[in-house]
PDB file of all heavy atoms in Angstrom:
ATOM      1  N   LEU A   1       9.702   7.041  17.426  1.00  0.00           N
ATOM      2  CA  LEU A   1       9.766   7.392  16.003  1.00  0.00           C
ATOM      3  C   LEU A   1       8.551   6.887  15.245  1.00  0.00           C
ATOM      4  O   LEU A   1       8.121   7.511  14.263  1.00  0.00           O
ATOM      5  CB  LEU A   1      11.053   6.845  15.393  1.00  0.00           C
ATOM      6  CG  LEU A   1      12.338   7.494  15.896  1.00  0.00           C
ATOM      7  CD1 LEU A   1      13.556   6.765  15.333  1.00  0.00           C
ATOM      8  CD2 LEU A   1      12.393   8.979  15.520  1.00  0.00           C
ATOM      9  N   PHE A   2       7.997   5.771  15.688  1.00  0.00           N
ATOM     10  CA  PHE A   2       6.799   5.240  15.041  1.00  0.00           C
ATOM     11  C   PHE A   2       5.669   6.262  15.080  1.00  0.00           C
ATOM     12  O   PHE A   2       5.126   6.658  14.048  1.00  0.00           O
ATOM     13  CB  PHE A   2       6.373   3.953  15.753  1.00  0.00           C
ATOM     14  CG  PHE A   2       5.148   3.299  15.171  1.00  0.00           C
ATOM     15  CD1 PHE A   2       5.211   2.628  13.965  1.00  0.00           C
ATOM     16  CD2 PHE A   2       3.932   3.353  15.836  1.00  0.00           C
ATOM     17  CE1 PHE A   2       4.089   2.010  13.416  1.00  0.00           C
ATOM     18  CE2 PHE A   2       2.805   2.743  15.313  1.00  0.00           C
ATOM     19  CZ  PHE A   2       2.881   2.070  14.098  1.00  0.00           C
ATOM     20  N   TYR A   3       5.332   6.727  16.272  1.00  0.00           N
ATOM     21  CA  TYR A   3       4.221   7.676  16.412  1.00  0.00           C
ATOM     22  C   TYR A   3       4.625   9.098  16.024  1.00  0.00           C
ATOM     23  O   TYR A   3       3.776   9.873  15.542  1.00  0.00           O
ATOM     24  CB  TYR A   3       3.688   7.650  17.844  1.00  0.00           C
ATOM     25  CG  TYR A   3       2.885   6.408  18.154  1.00  0.00           C
ATOM     26  CD1 TYR A   3       3.267   5.529  19.160  1.00  0.00           C
ATOM     27  CD2 TYR A   3       1.731   6.103  17.438  1.00  0.00           C
ATOM     28  CE1 TYR A   3       2.529   4.388  19.452  1.00  0.00           C
ATOM     29  CE2 TYR A   3       0.982   4.971  17.712  1.00  0.00           C
ATOM     30  CZ  TYR A   3       1.386   4.114  18.726  1.00  0.00           C
ATOM     31  OH  TYR A   3       0.643   2.983  19.006  1.00  0.00           O
ATOM     32  N   ALA A   4       5.885   9.456  16.215  1.00  0.00           N
ATOM     33  CA  ALA A   4       6.317  10.806  15.835  1.00  0.00           C
ATOM     34  C   ALA A   4       6.157  11.030  14.335  1.00  0.00           C
ATOM     35  O   ALA A   4       5.731  12.103  13.901  1.00  0.00           O
ATOM     36  CB  ALA A   4       7.759  11.045  16.261  1.00  0.00           C
ATOM     37  N   ASP A   5       6.483  10.021  13.541  1.00  0.00           N
ATOM     38  CA  ASP A   5       6.337  10.159  12.087  1.00  0.00           C
ATOM     39  C   ASP A   5       4.877  10.288  11.693  1.00  0.00           C
ATOM     40  O   ASP A   5       4.554  10.956  10.713  1.00  0.00           O
ATOM     41  CB  ASP A   5       6.991   8.968  11.388  1.00  0.00           C
ATOM     42  CG  ASP A   5       7.065   9.146   9.877  1.00  0.00           C
ATOM     43  OD1 ASP A   5       7.476  10.243   9.434  1.00  0.00           O
ATOM     44  OD2 ASP A   5       6.709   8.214   9.144  1.00  0.00           O
ATOM     45  N   TRP A   6       3.980   9.656  12.421  1.00  0.00           N
ATOM     46  CA  TRP A   6       2.540   9.835  12.179  1.00  0.00           C
ATOM     47  C   TRP A   6       2.118  11.260  12.530  1.00  0.00           C
ATOM     48  O   TRP A   6       1.231  11.840  11.897  1.00  0.00           O
ATOM     49  CB  TRP A   6       1.746   8.877  13.053  1.00  0.00           C
ATOM     50  CG  TRP A   6       1.725   7.448  12.623  1.00  0.00           C
ATOM     51  CD1 TRP A   6       2.518   6.837  11.691  1.00  0.00           C
ATOM     52  CD2 TRP A   6       0.862   6.429  13.134  1.00  0.00           C
ATOM     53  NE1 TRP A   6       2.209   5.509  11.591  1.00  0.00           N
ATOM     54  CE2 TRP A   6       1.198   5.223  12.463  1.00  0.00           C
ATOM     55  CE3 TRP A   6      -0.145   6.408  14.087  1.00  0.00           C
ATOM     56  CZ2 TRP A   6       0.543   4.012  12.725  1.00  0.00           C
ATOM     57  CZ3 TRP A   6      -0.788   5.217  14.351  1.00  0.00           C
ATOM     58  CH2 TRP A   6      -0.454   4.034  13.673  1.00  0.00           C
ATOM     59  N   THR A   7       2.730  11.810  13.562  1.00  0.00           N
ATOM     60  CA  THR A   7       2.325  13.107  14.108  1.00  0.00           C
ATOM     61  C   THR A   7       2.938  14.269  13.342  1.00  0.00           C
ATOM     62  O   THR A   7       2.268  15.258  13.043  1.00  0.00           O
ATOM     63  CB  THR A   7       2.747  13.184  15.592  1.00  0.00           C
ATOM     64  OG1 THR A   7       2.118  12.116  16.300  1.00  0.00           O
ATOM     65  CG2 THR A   7       2.370  14.520  16.209  1.00  0.00           C
ATOM     66  N   HIS A   8       4.226  14.142  13.033  1.00  0.00           N
ATOM     67  CA  HIS A   8       4.973  15.185  12.319  1.00  0.00           C
ATOM     68  C   HIS A   8       5.956  14.455  11.419  1.00  0.00           C
ATOM     69  O   HIS A   8       7.034  14.049  11.864  1.00  0.00           O
ATOM     70  CB  HIS A   8       5.695  16.103  13.310  1.00  0.00           C
ATOM     71  CG  HIS A   8       6.393  17.247  12.667  1.00  0.00           C
ATOM     72  ND1 HIS A   8       5.748  18.410  12.283  1.00  0.00           N
ATOM     73  CD2 HIS A   8       7.695  17.412  12.314  1.00  0.00           C
ATOM     74  CE1 HIS A   8       6.622  19.236  11.730  1.00  0.00           C
ATOM     75  NE2 HIS A   8       7.808  18.654  11.730  1.00  0.00           N
ATOM     76  N   ALA A   9       5.560  14.249  10.180  1.00  0.00           N
ATOM     77  CA  ALA A   9       6.285  13.362   9.271  1.00  0.00           C
ATOM     78  C   ALA A   9       7.773  13.695   9.199  1.00  0.00           C
ATOM     79  O   ALA A   9       8.166  14.864   9.127  1.00  0.00           O
ATOM     80  CB  ALA A   9       5.671  13.423   7.880  1.00  0.00           C
ATOM     81  N   ILE A  10       8.594  12.652   9.225  1.00  0.00           N
ATOM     82  CA  ILE A  10      10.041  12.817   9.105  1.00  0.00           C
ATOM     83  C   ILE A  10      10.366  13.201   7.669  1.00  0.00           C
ATOM     84  O   ILE A  10      10.034  12.479   6.726  1.00  0.00           O
ATOM     85  CB  ILE A  10      10.771  11.521   9.494  1.00  0.00           C
ATOM     86  CG1 ILE A  10      10.414  11.120  10.931  1.00  0.00           C
ATOM     87  CG2 ILE A  10      12.280  11.689   9.347  1.00  0.00           C
ATOM     88  CD1 ILE A  10      10.849   9.718  11.306  1.00  0.00           C
ATOM     89  N   ASP A  11      10.997  14.346   7.499  1.00  0.00           N
ATOM     90  CA  ASP A  11      11.329  14.841   6.166  1.00  0.00           C
ATOM     91  C   ASP A  11      12.280  13.869   5.469  1.00  0.00           C
ATOM     92  O   ASP A  11      13.212  13.350   6.097  1.00  0.00           O
ATOM     93  CB  ASP A  11      12.004  16.221   6.294  1.00  0.00           C
ATOM     94  CG  ASP A  11      12.103  16.949   4.970  1.00  0.00           C
ATOM     95  OD1 ASP A  11      12.850  16.472   4.089  1.00  0.00           O
ATOM     96  OD2 ASP A  11      11.450  17.999   4.830  1.00  0.00           O
ATOM     97  N   PRO A  12      12.081  13.606   4.172  1.00  0.00           N
ATOM     98  CA  PRO A  12      12.979  12.699   3.446  1.00  0.00           C
ATOM     99  C   PRO A  12      14.452  13.083   3.523  1.00  0.00           C
ATOM    100  O   PRO A  12      15.322  12.226   3.338  1.00  0.00           O
ATOM    101  CB  PRO A  12      12.460  12.779   2.009  1.00  0.00           C
ATOM    102  CG  PRO A  12      11.017  13.127   2.143  1.00  0.00           C
ATOM    103  CD  PRO A  12      10.943  14.042   3.339  1.00  0.00           C
ATOM    104  N   LYS A  13      14.739  14.355   3.812  1.00  0.00           N
ATOM    105  CA  LYS A  13      16.149  14.753   3.916  1.00  0.00           C
ATOM    106  C   LYS A  13      16.841  14.094   5.101  1.00  0.00           C
ATOM    107  O   LYS A  13      18.062  14.009   5.138  1.00  0.00           O
ATOM    108  CB  LYS A  13      16.270  16.276   4.008  1.00  0.00           C
ATOM    109  CG  LYS A  13      15.747  16.887   5.292  1.00  0.00           C
ATOM    110  CD  LYS A  13      15.806  18.409   5.261  1.00  0.00           C
ATOM    111  CE  LYS A  13      15.238  19.037   6.510  1.00  0.00           C
ATOM    112  NZ  LYS A  13      15.245  20.518   6.451  1.00  0.00           N
ATOM    113  N   PHE A  14      16.051  13.602   6.059  1.00  0.00           N
ATOM    114  CA  PHE A  14      16.615  12.901   7.211  1.00  0.00           C
ATOM    115  C   PHE A  14      16.634  11.401   6.906  1.00  0.00           C
ATOM    116  O   PHE A  14      15.983  10.585   7.566  1.00  0.00           O
ATOM    117  CB  PHE A  14      15.811  13.199   8.479  1.00  0.00           C
ATOM    118  CG  PHE A  14      15.755  14.663   8.836  1.00  0.00           C
ATOM    119  CD1 PHE A  14      14.547  15.291   9.104  1.00  0.00           C
ATOM    120  CD2 PHE A  14      16.923  15.422   8.904  1.00  0.00           C
ATOM    121  CE1 PHE A  14      14.483  16.632   9.429  1.00  0.00           C
ATOM    122  CE2 PHE A  14      16.880  16.776   9.233  1.00  0.00           C
ATOM    123  CZ  PHE A  14      15.660  17.378   9.488  1.00  0.00           C
ATOM    124  N   ALA A  15      17.407  11.053   5.903  1.00  0.00           N
ATOM    125  CA  ALA A  15      17.397   9.678   5.395  1.00  0.00           C
ATOM    126  C   ALA A  15      17.900   8.671   6.429  1.00  0.00           C
ATOM    127  O   ALA A  15      17.442   7.521   6.456  1.00  0.00           O
ATOM    128  CB  ALA A  15      18.251   9.592   4.131  1.00  0.00           C
ATOM    129  N   ASN A  16      18.831   9.078   7.274  1.00  0.00           N
ATOM    130  CA  ASN A  16      19.348   8.150   8.283  1.00  0.00           C
ATOM    131  C   ASN A  16      18.299   7.826   9.334  1.00  0.00           C
ATOM    132  O   ASN A  16      18.234   6.693   9.834  1.00  0.00           O
ATOM    133  CB  ASN A  16      20.590   8.737   8.956  1.00  0.00           C
ATOM    134  CG  ASN A  16      21.732   8.932   7.987  1.00  0.00           C
ATOM    135  OD1 ASN A  16      21.978   8.105   7.126  1.00  0.00           O
ATOM    136  ND2 ASN A  16      22.431  10.061   8.108  1.00  0.00           N
ATOM    137  N   VAL A  17      17.484   8.800   9.681  1.00  0.00           N
ATOM    138  CA  VAL A  17      16.405   8.564  10.643  1.00  0.00           C
ATOM    139  C   VAL A  17      15.350   7.643  10.028  1.00  0.00           C
ATOM    140  O   VAL A  17      14.861   6.709  10.685  1.00  0.00           O
ATOM    141  CB  VAL A  17      15.767   9.893  11.093  1.00  0.00           C
ATOM    142  CG1 VAL A  17      14.608   9.632  12.058  1.00  0.00           C
ATOM    143  CG2 VAL A  17      16.807  10.793  11.748  1.00  0.00           C
ATOM    144  N   ILE A  18      14.998   7.893   8.777  1.00  0.00           N
ATOM    145  CA  ILE A  18      14.007   7.054   8.106  1.00  0.00           C
ATOM    146  C   ILE A  18      14.498   5.612   8.010  1.00  0.00           C
ATOM    147  O   ILE A  18      13.743   4.662   8.267  1.00  0.00           O
ATOM    148  CB  ILE A  18      13.689   7.629   6.716  1.00  0.00           C
ATOM    149  CG1 ILE A  18      12.933   8.959   6.876  1.00  0.00           C
ATOM    150  CG2 ILE A  18      12.872   6.642   5.883  1.00  0.00           C
ATOM    151  CD1 ILE A  18      12.742   9.719   5.577  1.00  0.00           C
ATOM    152  N   ALA A  19      15.772   5.432   7.664  1.00  0.00           N
ATOM    153  CA  ALA A  19      16.330   4.079   7.563  1.00  0.00           C
ATOM    154  C   ALA A  19      16.341   3.397   8.926  1.00  0.00           C
ATOM    155  O   ALA A  19      16.064   2.185   9.024  1.00  0.00           O
ATOM    156  CB  ALA A  19      17.729   4.134   6.974  1.00  0.00           C
ATOM    157  N   TYR A  20      16.658   4.149   9.965  1.00  0.00           N
ATOM    158  CA  TYR A  20      16.674   3.586  11.320  1.00  0.00           C
ATOM    159  C   TYR A  20      15.257   3.175  11.732  1.00  0.00           C
ATOM    160  O   TYR A  20      15.053   2.086  12.297  1.00  0.00           O
ATOM    161  CB  TYR A  20      17.257   4.607  12.290  1.00  0.00           C
ATOM    162  CG  TYR A  20      17.199   4.221  13.746  1.00  0.00           C
ATOM    163  CD1 TYR A  20      17.621   2.966  14.173  1.00  0.00           C
ATOM    164  CD2 TYR A  20      16.725   5.115  14.706  1.00  0.00           C
ATOM    165  CE1 TYR A  20      17.570   2.613  15.516  1.00  0.00           C
ATOM    166  CE2 TYR A  20      16.676   4.775  16.042  1.00  0.00           C
ATOM    167  CZ  TYR A  20      17.086   3.524  16.439  1.00  0.00           C
ATOM    168  OH  TYR A  20      17.037   3.173  17.765  1.00  0.00           O
ATOM    169  N   ARG A  21      14.282   4.020  11.452  1.00  0.00           N
ATOM    170  CA  ARG A  21      12.893   3.680  11.773  1.00  0.00           C
ATOM    171  C   ARG A  21      12.480   2.386  11.070  1.00  0.00           C
ATOM    172  O   ARG A  21      11.777   1.545  11.646  1.00  0.00           O
ATOM    173  CB  ARG A  21      11.972   4.841  11.376  1.00  0.00           C
ATOM    174  CG  ARG A  21      10.504   4.657  11.771  1.00  0.00           C
ATOM    175  CD  ARG A  21       9.715   5.906  11.401  1.00  0.00           C
ATOM    176  NE  ARG A  21       8.320   5.820  11.804  1.00  0.00           N
ATOM    177  CZ  ARG A  21       7.351   5.277  11.076  1.00  0.00           C
ATOM    178  NH1 ARG A  21       7.648   4.742   9.876  1.00  0.00           N
ATOM    179  NH2 ARG A  21       6.095   5.252  11.513  1.00  0.00           N
ATOM    180  N   ARG A  22      12.907   2.205   9.830  1.00  0.00           N
ATOM    181  CA  ARG A  22      12.590   0.970   9.105  1.00  0.00           C
ATOM    182  C   ARG A  22      13.236  -0.241   9.769  1.00  0.00           C
ATOM    183  O   ARG A  22      12.630  -1.310   9.848  1.00  0.00           O
ATOM    184  CB  ARG A  22      13.049   1.095   7.650  1.00  0.00           C
ATOM    185  CG  ARG A  22      12.181   2.026   6.811  1.00  0.00           C
ATOM    186  CD  ARG A  22      12.767   2.201   5.424  1.00  0.00           C
ATOM    187  NE  ARG A  22      11.953   3.101   4.619  1.00  0.00           N
ATOM    188  CZ  ARG A  22      12.406   3.783   3.583  1.00  0.00           C
ATOM    189  NH1 ARG A  22      13.683   3.646   3.198  1.00  0.00           N
ATOM    190  NH2 ARG A  22      11.603   4.582   2.904  1.00  0.00           N
ATOM    191  N   ARG A  23      14.470  -0.088  10.245  1.00  0.00           N
ATOM    192  CA  ARG A  23      15.123  -1.194  10.941  1.00  0.00           C
ATOM    193  C   ARG A  23      14.362  -1.562  12.213  1.00  0.00           C
ATOM    194  O   ARG A  23      14.220  -2.743  12.552  1.00  0.00           O
ATOM    195  CB  ARG A  23      16.582  -0.845  11.285  1.00  0.00           C
ATOM    196  CG  ARG A  23      17.502  -0.796  10.080  1.00  0.00           C
ATOM    197  CD  ARG A  23      18.972  -0.798  10.476  1.00  0.00           C
ATOM    198  NE  ARG A  23      19.392   0.391  11.183  1.00  0.00           N
ATOM    199  CZ  ARG A  23      19.746   1.529  10.621  1.00  0.00           C
ATOM    200  NH1 ARG A  23      19.677   1.675   9.300  1.00  0.00           N
ATOM    201  NH2 ARG A  23      20.150   2.565  11.347  1.00  0.00           N
ATOM    202  N   LEU A  24      13.891  -0.558  12.911  1.00  0.00           N
ATOM    203  CA  LEU A  24      13.113  -0.816  14.124  1.00  0.00           C
ATOM    204  C   LEU A  24      11.821  -1.556  13.797  1.00  0.00           C
ATOM    205  O   LEU A  24      11.437  -2.502  14.500  1.00  0.00           O
ATOM    206  CB  LEU A  24      12.807   0.507  14.839  1.00  0.00           C
ATOM    207  CG  LEU A  24      14.007   1.212  15.474  1.00  0.00           C
ATOM    208  CD1 LEU A  24      13.654   2.648  15.831  1.00  0.00           C
ATOM    209  CD2 LEU A  24      14.495   0.460  16.711  1.00  0.00           C
ATOM    210  N   LEU A  25      11.146  -1.134  12.739  1.00  0.00           N
ATOM    211  CA  LEU A  25       9.899  -1.798  12.349  1.00  0.00           C
ATOM    212  C   LEU A  25      10.125  -3.248  11.930  1.00  0.00           C
ATOM    213  O   LEU A  25       9.234  -4.083  12.073  1.00  0.00           O
ATOM    214  CB  LEU A  25       9.228  -1.026  11.208  1.00  0.00           C
ATOM    215  CG  LEU A  25       8.492   0.248  11.615  1.00  0.00           C
ATOM    216  CD1 LEU A  25       8.211   1.122  10.399  1.00  0.00           C
ATOM    217  CD2 LEU A  25       7.184  -0.101  12.327  1.00  0.00           C
ATOM    218  N   ALA A  26      11.314  -3.537  11.435  1.00  0.00           N
ATOM    219  CA  ALA A  26      11.635  -4.906  11.015  1.00  0.00           C
ATOM    220  C   ALA A  26      12.070  -5.784  12.182  1.00  0.00           C
ATOM    221  O   ALA A  26      12.134  -7.016  12.027  1.00  0.00           O
ATOM    222  CB  ALA A  26      12.728  -4.880   9.949  1.00  0.00           C
ATOM    223  N   ARG A  27      12.373  -5.203  13.324  1.00  0.00           N
ATOM    224  CA  ARG A  27      12.779  -5.977  14.487  1.00  0.00           C
ATOM    225  C   ARG A  27      11.575  -6.793  14.981  1.00  0.00           C
ATOM    226  O   ARG A  27      10.507  -6.224  15.261  1.00  0.00           O
ATOM    227  CB  ARG A  27      13.279  -5.036  15.582  1.00  0.00           C
ATOM    228  CG  ARG A  27      13.897  -5.723  16.798  1.00  0.00           C
ATOM    229  CD  ARG A  27      15.339  -6.011  16.582  1.00  0.00           C
ATOM    230  NE  ARG A  27      15.940  -6.630  17.779  1.00  0.00           N
ATOM    231  CZ  ARG A  27      17.237  -6.900  17.885  1.00  0.00           C
ATOM    232  NH1 ARG A  27      18.069  -6.595  16.892  1.00  0.00           N
ATOM    233  NH2 ARG A  27      17.719  -7.473  18.969  1.00  0.00           N
ATOM    234  N   PRO A  28      11.671  -8.101  15.104  1.00  0.00           N
ATOM    235  CA  PRO A  28      10.496  -8.917  15.445  1.00  0.00           C
ATOM    236  C   PRO A  28       9.779  -8.486  16.722  1.00  0.00           C
ATOM    237  O   PRO A  28       8.538  -8.522  16.779  1.00  0.00           O
ATOM    238  CB  PRO A  28      11.082 -10.326  15.575  1.00  0.00           C
ATOM    239  CG  PRO A  28      12.240 -10.327  14.628  1.00  0.00           C
ATOM    240  CD  PRO A  28      12.837  -8.951  14.750  1.00  0.00           C
ATOM    241  N   SER A  29      10.518  -8.065  17.730  1.00  0.00           N
ATOM    242  CA  SER A  29       9.876  -7.656  18.985  1.00  0.00           C
ATOM    243  C   SER A  29       8.982  -6.444  18.787  1.00  0.00           C
ATOM    244  O   SER A  29       7.868  -6.380  19.343  1.00  0.00           O
ATOM    245  CB  SER A  29      10.936  -7.362  20.051  1.00  0.00           C
ATOM    246  OG  SER A  29      11.837  -6.358  19.611  1.00  0.00           O
ATOM    247  N   PHE A  30       9.454  -5.471  17.995  1.00  0.00           N
ATOM    248  CA  PHE A  30       8.620  -4.284  17.772  1.00  0.00           C
ATOM    249  C   PHE A  30       7.539  -4.558  16.725  1.00  0.00           C
ATOM    250  O   PHE A  30       6.421  -4.050  16.849  1.00  0.00           O
ATOM    251  CB  PHE A  30       9.471  -3.087  17.354  1.00  0.00           C
ATOM    252  CG  PHE A  30       8.665  -1.814  17.230  1.00  0.00           C
ATOM    253  CD1 PHE A  30       7.825  -1.417  18.246  1.00  0.00           C
ATOM    254  CD2 PHE A  30       8.749  -1.026  16.089  1.00  0.00           C
ATOM    255  CE1 PHE A  30       7.061  -0.261  18.134  1.00  0.00           C
ATOM    256  CE2 PHE A  30       7.997   0.135  15.971  1.00  0.00           C
ATOM    257  CZ  PHE A  30       7.149   0.525  16.999  1.00  0.00           C
ATOM    258  N   ALA A  31       7.844  -5.354  15.724  1.00  0.00           N
ATOM    259  CA  ALA A  31       6.816  -5.723  14.738  1.00  0.00           C
ATOM    260  C   ALA A  31       5.630  -6.370  15.439  1.00  0.00           C
ATOM    261  O   ALA A  31       4.465  -6.134  15.062  1.00  0.00           O
ATOM    262  CB  ALA A  31       7.406  -6.664  13.696  1.00  0.00           C
ATOM    263  N   ARG A  32       5.896  -7.163  16.454  1.00  0.00           N
ATOM    264  CA  ARG A  32       4.811  -7.779  17.225  1.00  0.00           C
ATOM    265  C   ARG A  32       3.975  -6.714  17.926  1.00  0.00           C
ATOM    266  O   ARG A  32       2.742  -6.788  17.931  1.00  0.00           O
ATOM    267  CB  ARG A  32       5.400  -8.764  18.243  1.00  0.00           C
ATOM    268  CG  ARG A  32       4.362  -9.459  19.102  1.00  0.00           C
ATOM    269  CD  ARG A  32       5.018 -10.501  19.996  1.00  0.00           C
ATOM    270  NE  ARG A  32       4.051 -11.063  20.928  1.00  0.00           N
ATOM    271  CZ  ARG A  32       4.344 -11.978  21.854  1.00  0.00           C
ATOM    272  NH1 ARG A  32       5.584 -12.457  21.931  1.00  0.00           N
ATOM    273  NH2 ARG A  32       3.422 -12.432  22.676  1.00  0.00           N
ATOM    274  N   CYS A  33       4.630  -5.721  18.519  1.00  0.00           N
ATOM    275  CA  CYS A  33       3.886  -4.626  19.166  1.00  0.00           C
ATOM    276  C   CYS A  33       2.995  -3.900  18.176  1.00  0.00           C
ATOM    277  O   CYS A  33       1.835  -3.585  18.469  1.00  0.00           O
ATOM    278  CB  CYS A  33       4.868  -3.637  19.794  1.00  0.00           C
ATOM    279  SG  CYS A  33       5.795  -4.250  21.202  1.00  0.00           S
ATOM    280  N   VAL A  34       3.537  -3.598  17.004  1.00  0.00           N
ATOM    281  CA  VAL A  34       2.775  -2.889  15.974  1.00  0.00           C
ATOM    282  C   VAL A  34       1.562  -3.707  15.556  1.00  0.00           C
ATOM    283  O   VAL A  34       0.446  -3.179  15.424  1.00  0.00           O
ATOM    284  CB  VAL A  34       3.675  -2.571  14.763  1.00  0.00           C
ATOM    285  CG1 VAL A  34       2.857  -2.009  13.610  1.00  0.00           C
ATOM    286  CG2 VAL A  34       4.770  -1.580  15.166  1.00  0.00           C
ATOM    287  N   ASP A  35       1.745  -4.993  15.369  1.00  0.00           N
ATOM    288  CA  ASP A  35       0.622  -5.847  14.957  1.00  0.00           C
ATOM    289  C   ASP A  35      -0.441  -5.930  16.045  1.00  0.00           C
ATOM    290  O   ASP A  35      -1.645  -5.895  15.754  1.00  0.00           O
ATOM    291  CB  ASP A  35       1.125  -7.242  14.604  1.00  0.00           C
ATOM    292  CG  ASP A  35       1.814  -7.290  13.255  1.00  0.00           C
ATOM    293  OD1 ASP A  35       1.599  -6.357  12.445  1.00  0.00           O
ATOM    294  OD2 ASP A  35       2.576  -8.236  13.005  1.00  0.00           O
ATOM    295  N   GLU A  36      -0.012  -6.030  17.297  1.00  0.00           N
ATOM    296  CA  GLU A  36      -0.980  -6.110  18.396  1.00  0.00           C
ATOM    297  C   GLU A  36      -1.763  -4.818  18.565  1.00  0.00           C
ATOM    298  O   GLU A  36      -2.891  -4.825  19.080  1.00  0.00           O
ATOM    299  CB  GLU A  36      -0.245  -6.450  19.694  1.00  0.00           C
ATOM    300  CG  GLU A  36       0.299  -7.869  19.731  1.00  0.00           C
ATOM    301  CD  GLU A  36       1.163  -8.150  20.939  1.00  0.00           C
ATOM    302  OE1 GLU A  36       1.586  -7.190  21.627  1.00  0.00           O
ATOM    303  OE2 GLU A  36       1.426  -9.342  21.204  1.00  0.00           O
ATOM    304  N   ALA A  37      -1.189  -3.706  18.108  1.00  0.00           N
ATOM    305  CA  ALA A  37      -1.849  -2.405  18.250  1.00  0.00           C
ATOM    306  C   ALA A  37      -2.770  -2.065  17.084  1.00  0.00           C
ATOM    307  O   ALA A  37      -3.536  -1.091  17.169  1.00  0.00           O
ATOM    308  CB  ALA A  37      -0.794  -1.309  18.396  1.00  0.00           C
ATOM    309  N   ARG A  38      -2.719  -2.834  16.002  1.00  0.00           N
ATOM    310  CA  ARG A  38      -3.506  -2.481  14.808  1.00  0.00           C
ATOM    311  C   ARG A  38      -5.004  -2.298  15.078  1.00  0.00           C
ATOM    312  O   ARG A  38      -5.617  -1.381  14.531  1.00  0.00           O
ATOM    313  CB  ARG A  38      -3.289  -3.523  13.706  1.00  0.00           C
ATOM    314  CG  ARG A  38      -1.921  -3.455  13.076  1.00  0.00           C
ATOM    315  CD  ARG A  38      -1.761  -4.395  11.895  1.00  0.00           C
ATOM    316  NE  ARG A  38      -0.360  -4.488  11.510  1.00  0.00           N
ATOM    317  CZ  ARG A  38       0.284  -3.574  10.803  1.00  0.00           C
ATOM    318  NH1 ARG A  38      -0.390  -2.521  10.358  1.00  0.00           N
ATOM    319  NH2 ARG A  38       1.562  -3.723  10.508  1.00  0.00           N
ATOM    320  N   PRO A  39      -5.630  -3.123  15.897  1.00  0.00           N
ATOM    321  CA  PRO A  39      -7.070  -2.942  16.120  1.00  0.00           C
ATOM    322  C   PRO A  39      -7.452  -1.616  16.773  1.00  0.00           C
ATOM    323  O   PRO A  39      -8.634  -1.254  16.781  1.00  0.00           O
ATOM    324  CB  PRO A  39      -7.435  -4.125  17.028  1.00  0.00           C
ATOM    325  CG  PRO A  39      -6.366  -5.136  16.810  1.00  0.00           C
ATOM    326  CD  PRO A  39      -5.127  -4.338  16.561  1.00  0.00           C
ATOM    327  N   TYR A  40      -6.465  -0.902  17.301  1.00  0.00           N
ATOM    328  CA  TYR A  40      -6.756   0.315  18.057  1.00  0.00           C
ATOM    329  C   TYR A  40      -6.361   1.590  17.317  1.00  0.00           C
ATOM    330  O   TYR A  40      -6.359   2.676  17.901  1.00  0.00           O
ATOM    331  CB  TYR A  40      -6.034   0.258  19.413  1.00  0.00           C
ATOM    332  CG  TYR A  40      -6.367  -0.978  20.194  1.00  0.00           C
ATOM    333  CD1 TYR A  40      -5.530  -2.095  20.153  1.00  0.00           C
ATOM    334  CD2 TYR A  40      -7.535  -1.060  20.939  1.00  0.00           C
ATOM    335  CE1 TYR A  40      -5.847  -3.255  20.853  1.00  0.00           C
ATOM    336  CE2 TYR A  40      -7.859  -2.214  21.651  1.00  0.00           C
ATOM    337  CZ  TYR A  40      -7.013  -3.308  21.598  1.00  0.00           C
ATOM    338  OH  TYR A  40      -7.333  -4.449  22.281  1.00  0.00           O
ATOM    339  N   ARG A  41      -6.059   1.493  16.035  1.00  0.00           N
ATOM    340  CA  ARG A  41      -5.558   2.663  15.308  1.00  0.00           C
ATOM    341  C   ARG A  41      -6.587   3.793  15.213  1.00  0.00           C
ATOM    342  O   ARG A  41      -6.224   4.951  15.036  1.00  0.00           O
ATOM    343  CB  ARG A  41      -5.063   2.256  13.921  1.00  0.00           C
ATOM    344  CG  ARG A  41      -3.782   1.453  13.994  1.00  0.00           C
ATOM    345  CD  ARG A  41      -3.099   1.307  12.660  1.00  0.00           C
ATOM    346  NE  ARG A  41      -1.792   0.669  12.822  1.00  0.00           N
ATOM    347  CZ  ARG A  41      -0.855   0.650  11.909  1.00  0.00           C
ATOM    348  NH1 ARG A  41      -1.054   1.227  10.731  1.00  0.00           N
ATOM    349  NH2 ARG A  41       0.302   0.059  12.138  1.00  0.00           N
ATOM    350  N   SER A  42      -7.836   3.466  15.360  1.00  0.00           N
ATOM    351  CA  SER A  42      -8.863   4.521  15.347  1.00  0.00           C
ATOM    352  C   SER A  42      -8.733   5.440  16.555  1.00  0.00           C
ATOM    353  O   SER A  42      -9.303   6.539  16.572  1.00  0.00           O
ATOM    354  CB  SER A  42     -10.264   3.904  15.324  1.00  0.00           C
ATOM    355  OG  SER A  42     -10.483   3.129  16.501  1.00  0.00           O
ATOM    356  N   TYR A  43      -7.987   5.026  17.570  1.00  0.00           N
ATOM    357  CA  TYR A  43      -7.783   5.866  18.743  1.00  0.00           C
ATOM    358  C   TYR A  43      -6.901   7.071  18.440  1.00  0.00           C
ATOM    359  O   TYR A  43      -6.932   8.056  19.188  1.00  0.00           O
ATOM    360  CB  TYR A  43      -7.102   5.071  19.869  1.00  0.00           C
ATOM    361  CG  TYR A  43      -7.922   4.022  20.560  1.00  0.00           C
ATOM    362  CD1 TYR A  43      -9.159   3.604  20.070  1.00  0.00           C
ATOM    363  CD2 TYR A  43      -7.449   3.413  21.714  1.00  0.00           C
ATOM    364  CE1 TYR A  43      -9.897   2.632  20.711  1.00  0.00           C
ATOM    365  CE2 TYR A  43      -8.180   2.428  22.371  1.00  0.00           C
ATOM    366  CZ  TYR A  43      -9.406   2.042  21.865  1.00  0.00           C
ATOM    367  OH  TYR A  43     -10.120   1.079  22.510  1.00  0.00           O
TER     368      TYR A  43
END
């Protein structure tokens, strides 16, 4: 869902999916992955 939303944005009408994606981003294990990947976003 992280990369899918970048690729094909999740429509606001899918509020449950958006809320779930936010919960995933707040999970410390995945937040760590996101932070470790920041230097490579130009890829």
